[in-house]
C-alpha atoms as a PDB file:
ATOM      1  CA  MET A   1      34.186  27.191  13.299  1.00  0.00           C
ATOM      2  CA  THR A   2      33.325  25.678   9.950  1.00  0.00           C
ATOM      3  CA  LYS A   3      32.904  22.325  11.594  1.00  0.00           C
ATOM      4  CA  VAL A   4      30.236  23.415  14.450  1.00  0.00           C
ATOM      5  CA  ARG A   5      28.407  25.406  12.274  1.00  0.00           C
ATOM      6  CA  ALA A   6      27.652  22.478  10.164  1.00  0.00           C
ATOM      7  CA  MET A   7      27.115  20.381  13.311  1.00  0.00           C
ATOM      8  CA  VAL A   8      24.411  23.237  14.373  1.00  0.00           C
ATOM      9  CA  ARG A   9      22.772  23.105  11.095  1.00  0.00           C
ATOM     10  CA  ALA A  10      22.355  19.700  11.080  1.00  0.00           C
ATOM     11  CA  VAL A  11      21.121  19.713  14.274  1.00  0.00           C
ATOM     12  CA  ARG A  12      19.045  22.050  13.168  1.00  0.00           C
ATOM     13  CA  THR A  13      17.648  20.222  10.427  1.00  0.00           C
ATOM     14  CA  ARG A  14      17.389  17.545  12.124  1.00  0.00           C
ATOM     15  CA  ILE A  15      15.107  19.065  14.706  1.00  0.00           C
ATOM     16  CA  ALA A  16      12.764  20.897  11.581  1.00  0.00           C
ATOM     17  CA  ARG A  17      12.054  17.564  10.417  1.00  0.00           C
ATOM     18  CA  GLU A  18      11.275  16.190  13.732  1.00  0.00           C
ATOM     19  CA  ARG A  19       8.612  18.833  13.922  1.00  0.00           C
ATOM     20  CA  ARG A  20       4.891  17.473  13.897  1.00  0.00           C
ATOM     21  CA  THR A  21       1.389  18.629  12.929  1.00  0.00           C
ATOM     22  CA  ASP A  22      -0.898  17.460  15.040  1.00  0.00           C
ATOM     23  CA  GLY A  23       1.103  13.986  15.760  1.00  0.00           C
ATOM     24  CA  ILE A  24       2.403  13.265  12.265  1.00  0.00           C
ATOM     25  CA  ARG A  25       5.972  14.021  11.526  1.00  0.00           C
ATOM     26  CA  ARG A  26       6.492  17.061   9.030  1.00  0.00           C
ATOM     27  CA  ALA A  27       8.582  15.173   7.016  1.00  0.00           C
ATOM     28  CA  VAL A  28       6.531  12.347   6.545  1.00  0.00           C
ATOM     29  CA  LEU A  29       3.331  14.797   5.825  1.00  0.00           C
ATOM     30  CA  GLU A  30       4.984  16.979   3.376  1.00  0.00           C
ATOM     31  CA  ASP A  31       6.528  13.715   1.389  1.00  0.00           C
ATOM     32  CA  ARG A  32       3.321  12.228   1.741  1.00  0.00           C
ATOM     33  CA  ARG A  33       1.738  15.063  -0.239  1.00  0.00           C
ATOM     34  CA  ARG A  34       4.024  15.342  -2.420  1.00  0.00           C
ATOM     35  CA  VAL A  35       3.541  11.142  -3.366  1.00  0.00           C
ATOM     36  CA  LEU A  36      -0.549  12.211  -3.631  1.00  0.00           C
ATOM     37  CA  ALA A  37      -0.536  14.936  -5.437  1.00  0.00           C
ATOM     38  CA  ARG A  38       1.267  12.814  -8.259  1.00  0.00           C
ATOM     39  CA  ARG A  39      -1.327  10.259  -8.714  1.00  0.00           C
ATOM     40  CA  ARG A  40      -4.262  12.282  -9.475  1.00  0.00           C
ATOM     41  CA  ALA A  41      -6.547  10.745 -12.397  1.00  0.00           C
ATOM     42  CA  PHE A  42      -9.750  12.536 -11.863  1.00  0.00           C
ATOM     43  CA  GLY A  43      -9.734  16.613 -12.689  1.00  0.00           C
ATOM     44  CA  SER A  44     -12.394  19.737 -12.171  1.00  0.00           C
ATOM     45  CA  ALA A  45     -14.511  17.851 -15.826  1.00  0.00           C
ATOM     46  CA  ASP A  46     -14.776  14.646 -13.782  1.00  0.00           C
ATOM     47  CA  LEU A  47     -16.376  16.584 -10.836  1.00  0.00           C
ATOM     48  CA  GLU A  48     -18.746  18.141 -12.876  1.00  0.00           C
ATOM     49  CA  ALA A  49     -19.586  15.073 -14.875  1.00  0.00           C
ATOM     50  CA  LEU A  50     -19.961  13.531 -11.343  1.00  0.00           C
ATOM     51  CA  ASP A  51     -21.724  16.107 -10.081  1.00  0.00           C
ATOM     52  CA  GLY A  52     -24.283  16.124 -13.451  1.00  0.00           C
ATOM     53  CA  ILE A  53     -25.353  12.321 -12.298  1.00  0.00           C
ATOM     54  CA  LEU A  54     -25.715  13.205  -8.525  1.00  0.00           C
ATOM     55  CA  ARG A  55     -28.151  16.502  -9.739  1.00  0.00           C
ATOM     56  CA  GLN A  56     -30.166  13.737 -11.354  1.00  0.00           C
ATOM     57  CA  ALA A  57     -31.096  11.823  -8.071  1.00  0.00           C
ATOM     58  CA  GLU A  58     -34.012  12.643  -5.689  1.00  0.00           C
ATOM     59  CA  ALA A  59     -31.145  12.501  -2.505  1.00  0.00           C
ATOM     60  CA  VAL A  60     -27.443  11.725  -2.032  1.00  0.00           C
ATOM     61  CA  ILE A  61     -27.414  10.021   0.938  1.00  0.00           C
ATOM     62  CA  PRO A  62     -24.584   8.185   3.162  1.00  0.00           C
ATOM     63  CA  VAL A  63     -24.447   4.076   3.063  1.00  0.00           C
ATOM     64  CA  ARG A  64     -25.928   4.270   6.981  1.00  0.00           C
ATOM     65  CA  GLU A  65     -29.087   5.715   5.946  1.00  0.00           C
ATOM     66  CA  LEU A  66     -29.696   3.364   2.921  1.00  0.00           C
ATOM     67  CA  VAL A  67     -29.445   0.472   5.391  1.00  0.00           C
ATOM     68  CA  ALA A  68     -32.140   2.336   7.722  1.00  0.00           C
ATOM     69  CA  LEU A  69     -34.762   2.589   5.041  1.00  0.00           C
ATOM     70  CA  SER A  70     -37.048  -0.674   4.200  1.00  0.00           C
ATOM     71  CA  PRO A  71     -37.504  -1.790   0.578  1.00  0.00           C
ATOM     72  CA  GLU A  72     -40.500  -0.472   0.431  1.00  0.00           C
ATOM     73  CA  ARG A  73     -39.010   3.589   1.594  1.00  0.00           C
ATOM     74  CA  ARG A  74     -36.168   3.243  -1.132  1.00  0.00           C
ATOM     75  CA  SER A  75     -36.385   5.748  -3.890  1.00  0.00           C
ATOM     76  CA  PRO A  76     -35.849   4.616  -7.553  1.00  0.00           C
ATOM     77  CA  ARG A  77     -34.343   8.042  -7.913  1.00  0.00           C
ATOM     78  CA  LEU A  78     -31.883   7.260  -5.006  1.00  0.00           C
ATOM     79  CA  VAL A  79     -27.650   7.764  -5.137  1.00  0.00           C
ATOM     80  CA  VAL A  80     -25.822   6.254  -1.970  1.00  0.00           C
ATOM     81  CA  LEU A  81     -22.289   7.542  -1.927  1.00  0.00           C
ATOM     82  CA  ARG A  82     -19.401   6.009  -0.275  1.00  0.00           C
ATOM     83  CA  HIS A  83     -15.533   7.003   0.345  1.00  0.00           C
ATOM     84  CA  ASP A  84     -12.658   4.683   1.025  1.00  0.00           C
ATOM     85  CA  THR A  85     -10.104   7.273   2.478  1.00  0.00           C
ATOM     86  CA  ASP A  86      -7.368   5.078   1.750  1.00  0.00           C
ATOM     87  CA  ASN A  87      -4.114   6.879   1.881  1.00  0.00           C
ATOM     88  CA  ASP A  88      -5.567  10.417   1.215  1.00  0.00           C
ATOM     89  CA  ILE A  89      -7.356  11.969   4.266  1.00  0.00           C
ATOM     90  CA  GLU A  90      -6.908  15.581   3.175  1.00  0.00           C
ATOM     91  CA  ASN A  91      -8.415  14.761  -0.362  1.00  0.00           C
ATOM     92  CA  ALA A  92     -11.440  12.933   1.717  1.00  0.00           C
ATOM     93  CA  VAL A  93     -11.913  16.525   3.259  1.00  0.00           C
ATOM     94  CA  ARG A  94     -12.066  18.214   0.420  1.00  0.00           C
ATOM     95  CA  PHE A  95     -14.600  15.992  -1.606  1.00  0.00           C
ATOM     96  CA  ALA A  96     -16.261  16.094   1.984  1.00  0.00           C
ATOM     97  CA  GLU A  97     -16.122  19.858   1.447  1.00  0.00           C
ATOM     98  CA  TRP A  98     -17.368  19.635  -2.075  1.00  0.00           C
ATOM     99  CA  GLU A  99     -20.502  17.410  -1.599  1.00  0.00           C
ATOM    100  CA  ALA A 100     -21.534  19.704   1.249  1.00  0.00           C
ATOM    101  CA  GLU A 101     -21.752  23.194  -0.626  1.00  0.00           C
ATOM    102  CA  ARG A 102     -23.934  21.087  -3.172  1.00  0.00           C
ATOM    103  CA  GLY A 103     -26.413  18.962  -0.704  1.00  0.00           C
ATOM    104  CA  TYR A 104     -24.467  15.597  -0.704  1.00  0.00           C
ATOM    105  CA  ARG A 105     -24.032  13.401   2.201  1.00  0.00           C
ATOM    106  CA  ALA A 106     -22.087  10.573   2.154  1.00  0.00           C
ATOM    107  CA  SER A 107     -20.200   7.898   4.004  1.00  0.00           C
ATOM    108  CA  TYR A 108     -16.446   7.797   5.074  1.00  0.00           C
ATOM    109  CA  TYR A 109     -14.482   5.128   5.896  1.00  0.00           C
ATOM    110  CA  VAL A 110     -11.425   5.595   7.772  1.00  0.00           C
ATOM    111  CA  LEU A 111      -8.136   3.200   7.272  1.00  0.00           C
ATOM    112  CA  HIS A 112      -6.863   2.783  10.809  1.00  0.00           C
ATOM    113  CA  THR A 113      -3.565   0.866   8.982  1.00  0.00           C
ATOM    114  CA  ASP A 114      -2.778   4.091   6.424  1.00  0.00           C
ATOM    115  CA  TRP A 115       0.049   6.794   7.496  1.00  0.00           C
ATOM    116  CA  TYR A 116      -1.907   9.171   9.193  1.00  0.00           C
ATOM    117  CA  TYR A 117      -3.789   7.500  11.593  1.00  0.00           C
ATOM    118  CA  ARG A 118      -1.151   7.030  14.488  1.00  0.00           C
ATOM    119  CA  ASP A 119       2.003   7.606  14.869  1.00  0.00           C
ATOM    120  CA  GLY A 120       3.865   3.501  15.111  1.00  0.00           C
ATOM    121  CA  PHE A 121       1.791   0.471  15.581  1.00  0.00           C
ATOM    122  CA  ALA A 122      -0.511   0.743  19.050  1.00  0.00           C
ATOM    123  CA  GLY A 123      -2.057   3.814  20.502  1.00  0.00           C
ATOM    124  CA  PRO A 124      -4.567   6.395  19.998  1.00  0.00           C
ATOM    125  CA  PRO A 125      -5.206   7.933  16.646  1.00  0.00           C
ATOM    126  CA  THR A 126      -3.557  11.278  15.984  1.00  0.00           C
ATOM    127  CA  ARG A 127      -4.855  14.513  16.314  1.00  0.00           C
ATOM    128  CA  TYR A 128      -4.468  15.149  12.752  1.00  0.00           C
ATOM    129  CA  VAL A 129      -6.697  12.414  11.259  1.00  0.00           C
ATOM    130  CA  LEU A 130      -9.194  13.149  13.948  1.00  0.00           C
ATOM    131  CA  ARG A 131      -9.274  16.571  13.240  1.00  0.00           C
ATOM    132  CA  ALA A 132     -10.024  15.741   9.876  1.00  0.00           C
ATOM    133  CA  LEU A 133     -12.801  13.146  10.466  1.00  0.00           C
ATOM    134  CA  GLU A 134     -14.598  15.774  12.951  1.00  0.00           C
ATOM    135  CA  ARG A 135     -14.730  18.511   9.983  1.00  0.00           C
ATOM    136  CA  ILE A 136     -16.057  15.623   7.651  1.00  0.00           C
ATOM    137  CA  GLN A 137     -19.015  14.809  10.325  1.00  0.00           C
ATOM    138  CA  ARG A 138     -19.777  18.442  10.964  1.00  0.00           C
ATOM    139  CA  LEU A 139     -20.267  18.683   7.310  1.00  0.00           C
ATOM    140  CA  GLY A 140     -22.761  15.873   7.765  1.00  0.00           C
ATOM    141  CA  HIS A 141     -21.326  12.782   6.410  1.00  0.00           C
ATOM    142  CA  GLU A 142     -21.420   9.168   8.508  1.00  0.00           C
ATOM    143  CA  ILE A 143     -17.963   8.099   9.708  1.00  0.00           C
ATOM    144  CA  GLY A 144     -17.393   4.376   9.573  1.00  0.00           C
ATOM    145  CA  LEU A 145     -14.312   1.813  10.066  1.00  0.00           C
ATOM    146  CA  HIS A 146     -12.427   0.660   6.705  1.00  0.00           C
ATOM    147  CA  ASN A 147     -11.778  -2.496   8.531  1.00  0.00           C
ATOM    148  CA  ASN A 148      -8.561  -3.894   7.912  1.00  0.00           C
ATOM    149  CA  ALA A 149      -8.141  -6.378  11.550  1.00  0.00           C
ATOM    150  CA  LEU A 150      -7.722  -9.400  10.330  1.00  0.00           C
ATOM    151  CA  THR A 151      -4.574  -8.000   8.139  1.00  0.00           C
ATOM    152  CA  VAL A 152      -3.103  -6.191  11.466  1.00  0.00           C
ATOM    153  CA  ALA A 153      -3.998  -9.731  13.443  1.00  0.00           C
ATOM    154  CA  LEU A 154      -1.649 -11.473  10.954  1.00  0.00           C
ATOM    155  CA  ARG A 155       0.667  -8.865  11.465  1.00  0.00           C
ATOM    156  CA  THR A 156       0.613  -9.127  15.117  1.00  0.00           C
ATOM    157  CA  GLY A 157      -1.055 -12.276  17.097  1.00  0.00           C
ATOM    158  CA  ARG A 158      -3.927 -10.297  18.297  1.00  0.00           C
ATOM    159  CA  ASP A 159      -7.578 -11.068  18.083  1.00  0.00           C
ATOM    160  CA  PRO A 160      -9.790  -9.862  14.928  1.00  0.00           C
ATOM    161  CA  ALA A 161     -12.628  -8.643  16.522  1.00  0.00           C
ATOM    162  CA  ASP A 162      -9.845  -7.250  19.547  1.00  0.00           C
ATOM    163  CA  VAL A 163      -8.306  -5.388  17.137  1.00  0.00           C
ATOM    164  CA  LEU A 164     -11.673  -4.808  15.547  1.00  0.00           C
ATOM    165  CA  ALA A 165     -13.042  -3.233  19.100  1.00  0.00           C
ATOM    166  CA  THR A 166     -10.337  -0.856  19.991  1.00  0.00           C
ATOM    167  CA  GLU A 167     -10.362   0.874  16.802  1.00  0.00           C
ATOM    168  CA  LEU A 168     -14.341   1.504  16.797  1.00  0.00           C
ATOM    169  CA  ALA A 169     -13.600   2.301  20.921  1.00  0.00           C
ATOM    170  CA  TYR A 170     -10.900   5.248  19.807  1.00  0.00           C
ATOM    171  CA  LEU A 171     -13.342   6.732  17.317  1.00  0.00           C
ATOM    172  CA  ARG A 172     -16.710   6.709  19.801  1.00  0.00           C
ATOM    173  CA  ARG A 173     -14.670   7.733  22.670  1.00  0.00           C
ATOM    174  CA  HIS A 174     -13.865  10.978  20.107  1.00  0.00           C
ATOM    175  CA  GLY A 175     -17.511  11.471  19.306  1.00  0.00           C
ATOM    176  CA  PHE A 176     -18.276   9.659  16.211  1.00  0.00           C
ATOM    177  CA  GLU A 177     -21.426   6.894  16.017  1.00  0.00           C
ATOM    178  CA  VAL A 178     -19.593   4.065  13.687  1.00  0.00           C
ATOM    179  CA  VAL A 179     -22.438   1.491  12.765  1.00  0.00           C
ATOM    180  CA  GLY A 180     -20.785   0.782   9.856  1.00  0.00           C
ATOM    181  CA  THR A 181     -17.489  -1.103   8.664  1.00  0.00           C
ATOM    182  CA  ALA A 182     -16.073  -1.328   4.795  1.00  0.00           C
ATOM    183  CA  ALA A 183     -13.528  -4.012   4.493  1.00  0.00           C
ATOM    184  CA  HIS A 184     -10.382  -3.219   3.288  1.00  0.00           C
ATOM    185  CA  GLY A 185      -8.709  -5.014   0.146  1.00  0.00           C
ATOM    186  CA  ASP A 186      -5.303  -5.275   1.468  1.00  0.00           C
ATOM    187  CA  ALA A 187      -2.837  -6.489  -0.523  1.00  0.00           C
ATOM    188  CA  LEU A 188      -2.063  -9.344   2.164  1.00  0.00           C
ATOM    189  CA  CYS A 189      -5.745 -10.192   1.519  1.00  0.00           C
ATOM    190  CA  ARG A 190      -4.635 -11.353  -1.840  1.00  0.00           C
ATOM    191  CA  ALA A 191      -1.217 -13.423  -0.954  1.00  0.00           C
ATOM    192  CA  CYS A 192      -3.332 -15.223   1.623  1.00  0.00           C
ATOM    193  CA  GLY A 193      -6.417 -16.023   0.590  1.00  0.00           C
ATOM    194  CA  TYR A 194      -9.423 -14.351   3.177  1.00  0.00           C
ATOM    195  CA  ASN A 195     -11.324 -11.116   3.196  1.00  0.00           C
ATOM    196  CA  ASN A 196     -11.667  -8.629   6.375  1.00  0.00           C
ATOM    197  CA  GLY A 197     -15.223  -8.927   6.294  1.00  0.00           C
ATOM    198  CA  GLU A 198     -15.016 -12.355   7.320  1.00  0.00           C
ATOM    199  CA  VAL A 199     -14.678 -11.228  10.782  1.00  0.00           C
ATOM    200  CA  PHE A 200     -18.149 -11.075  11.145  1.00  0.00           C
ATOM    201  CA  VAL A 201     -20.737 -14.367  11.104  1.00  0.00           C
ATOM    202  CA  GLU A 202     -23.112 -12.377   8.755  1.00  0.00           C
ATOM    203  CA  THR A 203     -20.390 -11.531   5.734  1.00  0.00           C
ATOM    204  CA  PRO A 204     -19.128 -14.917   4.762  1.00  0.00           C
ATOM    205  CA  ARG A 205     -16.874 -15.687   2.105  1.00  0.00           C
ATOM    206  CA  PRO A 206     -16.575 -19.236   0.995  1.00  0.00           C
ATOM    207  CA  GLU A 207     -14.928 -18.871  -2.054  1.00  0.00           C
ATOM    208  CA  HIS A 208     -11.911 -18.499   0.566  1.00  0.00           C
ATOM    209  CA  GLY A 209     -13.208 -21.816   2.938  1.00  0.00           C
ATOM    210  CA  PRO A 210     -14.839 -22.139   6.133  1.00  0.00           C
ATOM    211  CA  ALA A 211     -16.383 -19.154   8.095  1.00  0.00           C
ATOM    212  CA  ARG A 212     -14.306 -20.814  10.987  1.00  0.00           C
ATOM    213  CA  ARG A 213     -10.864 -21.327   9.893  1.00  0.00           C
ATOM    214  CA  THR A 214      -6.735 -21.254  10.516  1.00  0.00           C
ATOM    215  CA  ILE A 215      -5.281 -18.387   7.800  1.00  0.00           C
ATOM    216  CA  VAL A 216      -1.579 -19.728   7.589  1.00  0.00           C
ATOM    217  CA  CYS A 217       0.370 -18.339   5.048  1.00  0.00           C
ATOM    218  CA  ARG A 218       3.770 -16.514   4.325  1.00  0.00           C
ATOM    219  CA  ASP A 219       4.269 -12.601   4.109  1.00  0.00           C
ATOM    220  CA  PRO A 220       5.622 -11.603   0.684  1.00  0.00           C
ATOM    221  CA  GLY A 221       6.756  -8.691   1.695  1.00  0.00           C
ATOM    222  CA  SER A 222       8.485  -9.513   4.664  1.00  0.00           C
ATOM    223  CA  GLY A 223       8.752 -13.858   4.054  1.00  0.00           C
ATOM    224  CA  ARG A 224       7.671 -14.059   8.105  1.00  0.00           C
ATOM    225  CA  ASP A 225       5.055 -16.874   8.256  1.00  0.00           C
ATOM    226  CA  LEU A 226       1.929 -15.803  10.050  1.00  0.00           C
ATOM    227  CA  ARG A 227      -0.926 -17.032  11.557  1.00  0.00           C
ATOM    228  CA  VAL A 228      -4.467 -16.150  12.690  1.00  0.00           C
ATOM    229  CA  GLU A 229      -7.620 -18.202  14.229  1.00  0.00           C
ATOM    230  CA  LEU A 230     -10.887 -16.646  12.176  1.00  0.00           C
ATOM    231  CA  ALA A 231     -13.832 -17.073  14.814  1.00  0.00           C
ATOM    232  CA  PRO A 232     -15.991 -15.005  13.036  1.00  0.00           C
ATOM    233  CA  VAL A 233     -18.506 -12.243  15.702  1.00  0.00           C
ATOM    234  CA  PRO A 234     -22.171 -10.780  15.072  1.00  0.00           C
ATOM    235  CA  MET A 235     -21.984  -7.667  13.820  1.00  0.00           C
ATOM    236  CA  ALA A 236     -24.080  -6.821  17.038  1.00  0.00           C
ATOM    237  CA  SER A 237     -21.276  -7.375  19.411  1.00  0.00           C
ATOM    238  CA  LEU A 238     -19.231  -4.433  18.091  1.00  0.00           C
ATOM    239  CA  GLY A 239     -22.628  -2.034  17.916  1.00  0.00           C
ATOM    240  CA  LEU A 240     -22.665  -2.742  13.910  1.00  0.00           C
ATOM    241  CA  THR A 241     -25.269  -2.519  11.714  1.00  0.00           C
ATOM    242  CA  TYR A 242     -23.790  -3.415   8.772  1.00  0.00           C
ATOM    243  CA  GLU A 243     -20.806  -4.162   6.228  1.00  0.00           C
ATOM    244  CA  ALA A 244     -20.736  -2.050   3.279  1.00  0.00           C
ATOM    245  CA  ASN A 245     -19.581  -4.874   0.380  1.00  0.00           C
ATOM    246  CA  PHE A 246     -23.120  -6.733   1.484  1.00  0.00           C
ATOM    247  CA  ILE A 247     -25.068  -3.657   0.976  1.00  0.00           C
ATOM    248  CA  GLU A 248     -27.614  -4.042  -2.018  1.00  0.00           C
ATOM    249  CA  ASN A 249     -26.297  -3.139  -5.494  1.00  0.00           C
ATOM    250  CA  ARG A 250     -28.750  -2.769  -8.503  1.00  0.00           C
ATOM    251  CA  TYR A 251     -26.570  -0.428 -10.247  1.00  0.00           C
ATOM    252  CA  TYR A 252     -22.918   0.265  -9.005  1.00  0.00           C
ATOM    253  CA  LEU A 253     -20.051   2.688 -10.289  1.00  0.00           C
ATOM    254  CA  THR A 254     -16.470   2.934  -8.545  1.00  0.00           C
ATOM    255  CA  ASP A 255     -12.960   4.638  -9.471  1.00  0.00           C
ATOM    256  CA  SER A 256     -11.053   1.635  -8.298  1.00  0.00           C
ATOM    257  CA  HIS A 257      -7.343   2.018 -10.047  1.00  0.00           C
ATOM    258  CA  GLY A 258      -8.182   5.386 -10.828  1.00  0.00           C
ATOM    259  CA  ARG A 259     -10.941   4.773 -13.555  1.00  0.00           C
ATOM    260  CA  TRP A 260     -14.055   4.096 -14.016  1.00  0.00           C
ATOM    261  CA  ASN A 261     -15.978   0.697 -13.702  1.00  0.00           C
ATOM    262  CA  ARG A 262     -17.810   1.745 -16.915  1.00  0.00           C
ATOM    263  CA  PRO A 263     -18.264   4.533 -18.820  1.00  0.00           C
ATOM    264  CA  LEU A 264     -19.881   7.903 -16.864  1.00  0.00           C
ATOM    265  CA  GLU A 265     -21.848   8.788 -19.291  1.00  0.00           C
ATOM    266  CA  VAL A 266     -23.533   5.366 -20.412  1.00  0.00           C
ATOM    267  CA  ALA A 267     -24.120   5.662 -16.751  1.00  0.00           C
ATOM    268  CA  ALA A 268     -25.384   8.892 -16.697  1.00  0.00           C
ATOM    269  CA  ALA A 269     -27.807   7.665 -19.763  1.00  0.00           C
ATOM    270  CA  GLU A 270     -29.076   4.659 -17.888  1.00  0.00           C
ATOM    271  CA  PHE A 271     -29.694   6.222 -14.609  1.00  0.00           C
ATOM    272  CA  GLU A 272     -31.851   8.726 -16.362  1.00  0.00           C
ATOM    273  CA  ARG A 273     -34.181   5.775 -17.672  1.00  0.00           C
ATOM    274  CA  ARG A 274     -33.731   3.194 -15.401  1.00  0.00           C
ATOM    275  CA  ASP A 275     -35.961   2.682 -12.121  1.00  0.00           C
ATOM    276  CA  ALA A 276     -32.960   1.541  -9.748  1.00  0.00           C
ATOM    277  CA  PHE A 277     -30.750   3.391  -7.185  1.00  0.00           C
ATOM    278  CA  LEU A 278     -27.186   3.841  -8.030  1.00  0.00           C
ATOM    279  CA  LYS A 279     -25.010   3.639  -5.628  1.00  0.00           C
ATOM    280  CA  PHE A 280     -21.104   5.074  -6.305  1.00  0.00           C
ATOM    281  CA  LEU A 281     -17.558   4.110  -4.387  1.00  0.00           C
ATOM    282  CA  ILE A 282     -15.223   6.731  -4.658  1.00  0.00           C
ATOM    283  CA  HIS A 283     -11.816   6.816  -3.246  1.00  0.00           C
ATOM    284  CA  PRO A 284     -10.512  10.552  -2.962  1.00  0.00           C
ATOM    285  CA  SER A 285      -6.497   9.904  -3.529  1.00  0.00           C
ATOM    286  CA  TRP A 286      -7.802   9.444  -7.205  1.00  0.00           C
ATOM    287  CA  TRP A 287      -9.274  13.201  -7.266  1.00  0.00           C
ATOM    288  CA  ALA A 288      -7.324  16.240  -8.323  1.00  0.00           C
ATOM    289  CA  PHE A 289      -8.684  19.751  -6.051  1.00  0.00           C
ATOM    290  CA  GLN A 290      -6.132  21.637  -6.194  1.00  0.00           C
ATOM    291  CA  GLY A 291      -5.177  21.521  -9.982  1.00  0.00           C
ATOM    292  CA  GLU A 292      -2.601  19.242  -9.524  1.00  0.00           C
ATOM    293  CA  PRO A 293      -1.618  17.335 -12.957  1.00  0.00           C
ATOM    294  CA  LEU A 294      -3.368  14.382 -14.226  1.00  0.00           C
ATOM    295  CA  LEU A 295      -2.893  11.077 -14.831  1.00  0.00           C
ATOM    296  CA  ALA A 296      -3.249   9.721 -18.409  1.00  0.00           C
ATOM    297  CA  ARG A 297      -5.852   6.711 -17.228  1.00  0.00           C
ATOM    298  CA  GLN A 298      -8.228   4.154 -19.221  1.00  0.00           C
ATOM    299  CA  GLU A 299     -12.046   5.505 -19.735  1.00  0.00           C
ATOM    300  CA  SER A 300     -12.948   2.322 -18.332  1.00  0.00           C
ATOM    301  CA  VAL A 301     -12.258  -1.695 -17.270  1.00  0.00           C
ATOM    302  CA  PRO A 302     -13.999  -4.566 -18.953  1.00  0.00           C
ATOM    303  CA  ALA A 303     -17.003  -5.405 -17.415  1.00  0.00           C
ATOM    304  CA  SER A 304     -15.598  -8.603 -15.905  1.00  0.00           C
ATOM    305  CA  GLU A 305     -13.322  -6.081 -13.640  1.00  0.00           C
ATOM    306  CA  GLY A 306     -16.299  -3.481 -12.642  1.00  0.00           C
ATOM    307  CA  GLN A 307     -18.165  -5.659  -9.563  1.00  0.00           C
ATOM    308  CA  PRO A 308     -17.785  -5.096  -6.283  1.00  0.00           C
ATOM    309  CA  VAL A 309     -14.638  -4.467  -4.652  1.00  0.00           C
ATOM    310  CA  SER A 310     -13.448  -4.991  -1.117  1.00  0.00           C
END
């Protein structure tokens, strides 16, 4: 009887671990929540400081709206707010709610290769991520795609433009009017010398080589030899109007790596006196909305590191 009871308990445990929440295995979801809760670098005081800058703006708008404005209509008191969801879609929703309560609107670029997006390597997005994106969009924010197409193409042999077209079709089919992308800085980008934005004719990166070329490298993780033919396509062929990393930056602030690229109080003073609009890139995964303990952090990075990232 003891062995039978042990077997029953083991089966029940396995069933519990396999239970899913909107297409995500519950064990995976609980594990990711625990991990993410331990990597917060910004708390309530930082939210207040951020709010202090945003309140100075004539308007806080998503990237899509900036692109639609002619240069003469761009106010010097304008803040453009961008978020790359990366690996924390739940915190993206919390950030979107915090902004909406204050009348701010932002762009949220969802990463199609992160753990929450789909179960496995192919197929439609999970209901889990779709529900999150629906909530963000209902709050008045823009949904965009955090483009990791060249990375997927290198690892699967697929055509990069087809990778993008597939993800855009999934999102648009579910009611998201996606017109912009933001290239994701995958770890493989540095190892193989490419930028995911190079999939577009309009956004070349000459420092990596010719726009049309064969990318060949070895995956440092698996040791596999990877290869893809890069043949850029026009954004319009995919129904897109912009790439966020190529949007004008007169003044740029980001929390990449869990630290500001320049002191926030200095940025606030400069924004108050300078005649230039401000662009933020904020990653929700670094921010504590539920009282999580904060990591010790360097207040800002050297000026050479504080440039726009992809």
